[in-house]
Amino acid sequence: IADDDLLQQIRNNCVSIEELHMRWCYANANKGIRDLIPTLRNSLCLSLAGCKIGDLELESIGRNGNLKNLNLSFCREITDAGIKIMLKNLPGLTHLKLLGSSKVGNETILLSLF
């Protein structure tokens, strides 16, 4: 289980990670995710599919300017507002998966294409 303590250990010891896959993480680790993501400056690929994250975590993800590939499928708490804020700060993002993210509307999905 990825909790805040584990994520802090990753943040402190694994700063050169290029890919991080934390799929279906149900633990209450939102603070750990918010603290971890901006420190992963070398990360190109991030998968949080099925994780219990929201718009605050998307804002944090937006601080990782090198991110190219992002999977947020089945993250049911993210919204249009969070996606829009995040996308403004990720101009190099080339792959975004939002399958099953039910609070994200078609307009926002289309926006993510351009």
Protein backbone atom coordinates (compact mmCIF):
# COMPACT_ATOMS: atom_id res chain seq x y z
CA ILE A 1 0.00 0.00 0.00
CA ALA A 2 1.40 3.35 -1.05
CA ASP A 3 0.81 5.69 1.86
CA ASP A 4 2.31 9.09 2.65
CA ASP A 5 5.33 7.52 4.41
CA LEU A 6 6.23 5.35 1.42
CA LEU A 7 5.83 8.27 -0.96
CA GLN A 8 8.11 10.38 1.24
CA GLN A 9 10.76 7.64 1.02
CA ILE A 10 10.45 7.61 -2.77
CA ARG A 11 10.69 11.41 -2.82
CA ASN A 12 13.82 11.40 -0.68
CA ASN A 13 15.64 8.50 -2.34
CA CYS A 14 14.51 8.14 -5.96
CA VAL A 15 14.84 11.56 -7.56
CA SER A 16 16.00 10.17 -10.94
CA ILE A 17 12.85 8.13 -11.64
CA GLU A 18 11.73 8.47 -15.26
CA GLU A 19 8.54 6.40 -14.92
CA LEU A 20 6.26 5.96 -11.93
CA HIS A 21 3.23 3.67 -11.97
CA MET A 22 1.02 3.81 -8.87
CA ARG A 23 -2.15 2.32 -10.27
CA TRP A 24 -5.19 1.67 -8.10
CA CYS A 25 -3.68 3.20 -4.98
CA TYR A 26 -6.62 3.48 -2.60
CA ALA A 27 -4.62 4.58 0.42
CA ASN A 28 -5.14 8.08 1.71
CA ALA A 29 -1.89 9.31 0.19
CA ASN A 30 -2.97 12.59 -1.38
CA LYS A 31 -0.50 14.72 0.57
CA GLY A 32 2.29 12.30 -0.32
CA ILE A 33 1.35 12.51 -4.00
CA ARG A 34 1.20 16.32 -3.90
CA ASP A 35 4.65 16.45 -2.28
CA LEU A 36 6.21 13.76 -4.48
CA ILE A 37 5.21 14.71 -8.01
CA PRO A 38 6.94 18.13 -8.27
CA THR A 39 10.23 16.59 -7.11
CA LEU A 40 10.31 14.04 -9.93
CA ARG A 41 11.92 16.42 -12.43
CA ASN A 42 13.21 13.58 -14.65
CA SER A 43 9.84 11.85 -14.88
CA LEU A 44 8.46 11.50 -18.36
CA CYS A 45 5.71 8.98 -17.61
CA LEU A 46 3.28 8.92 -14.69
CA SER A 47 0.36 6.58 -14.15
CA LEU A 48 -2.08 7.22 -11.33
CA ALA A 49 -4.91 5.23 -12.93
CA GLY A 50 -7.58 4.38 -10.41
CA CYS A 51 -5.94 6.35 -7.62
CA LYS A 52 -8.04 8.39 -5.23
CA ILE A 53 -6.80 11.82 -6.30
CA GLY A 54 -8.50 15.14 -6.97
CA ASP A 55 -7.83 18.56 -8.41
CA LEU A 56 -5.22 19.52 -5.79
CA GLU A 57 -3.10 16.59 -6.98
CA LEU A 58 -3.59 17.68 -10.60
CA GLU A 59 -2.23 21.10 -9.71
CA SER A 60 0.82 19.39 -8.27
CA ILE A 61 1.22 17.24 -11.39
CA GLY A 62 1.18 20.43 -13.43
CA ARG A 63 4.40 21.50 -11.73
CA ASN A 64 6.31 18.69 -13.46
CA GLY A 65 7.11 20.42 -16.73
CA ASN A 66 8.93 17.44 -18.28
CA LEU A 67 5.97 15.07 -18.17
CA LYS A 68 5.12 13.55 -21.56
CA ASN A 69 2.79 10.67 -20.73
CA LEU A 70 0.07 10.78 -18.05
CA ASN A 71 -2.57 8.19 -17.22
CA LEU A 72 -5.43 9.41 -15.03
CA SER A 73 -7.95 6.79 -16.08
CA PHE A 74 -10.60 5.96 -13.48
CA CYS A 75 -9.53 8.82 -11.20
CA ARG A 76 -13.11 9.61 -10.30
CA GLU A 77 -12.54 12.76 -8.23
CA ILE A 78 -10.72 14.87 -10.84
CA THR A 79 -12.79 17.55 -12.59
CA ASP A 80 -12.70 19.77 -15.65
CA ALA A 81 -11.26 22.64 -13.60
CA GLY A 82 -8.34 20.55 -12.34
CA ILE A 83 -7.53 19.18 -15.80
CA LYS A 84 -7.55 22.69 -17.32
CA ILE A 85 -5.19 24.09 -14.68
CA MET A 86 -2.86 21.13 -15.05
CA LEU A 87 -2.76 21.31 -18.86
CA LYS A 88 -1.78 24.99 -18.82
CA ASN A 89 1.45 24.00 -17.12
CA LEU A 90 2.29 20.88 -19.17
CA PRO A 91 2.92 22.13 -22.72
CA GLY A 92 5.05 19.08 -23.58
CA LEU A 93 2.43 16.51 -22.60
CA THR A 94 1.87 14.21 -25.59
CA HIS A 95 -0.26 11.39 -24.08
CA LEU A 96 -3.15 11.83 -21.66
CA LYS A 97 -5.49 9.00 -20.70
CA LEU A 98 -8.76 9.88 -18.97
CA LEU A 99 -10.81 6.71 -19.50
CA GLY A 100 -13.47 6.36 -16.81
CA SER A 101 -12.77 9.74 -15.22
CA SER A 102 -16.47 10.50 -15.00
CA LYS A 103 -16.29 14.12 -13.78
CA VAL A 104 -14.25 15.20 -16.82
CA GLY A 105 -16.46 16.40 -19.66
CA ASN A 106 -16.10 16.17 -23.42
CA GLU A 107 -15.13 19.83 -23.77
CA THR A 108 -12.14 19.35 -21.50
CA ILE A 109 -11.14 16.16 -23.27
CA LEU A 110 -11.20 18.01 -26.58
CA LEU A 111 -9.16 20.84 -25.05
CA SER A 112 -6.51 18.32 -24.04
CA LEU A 113 -6.06 17.41 -27.71
CA PHE A 114 -4.83 20.88 -28.67
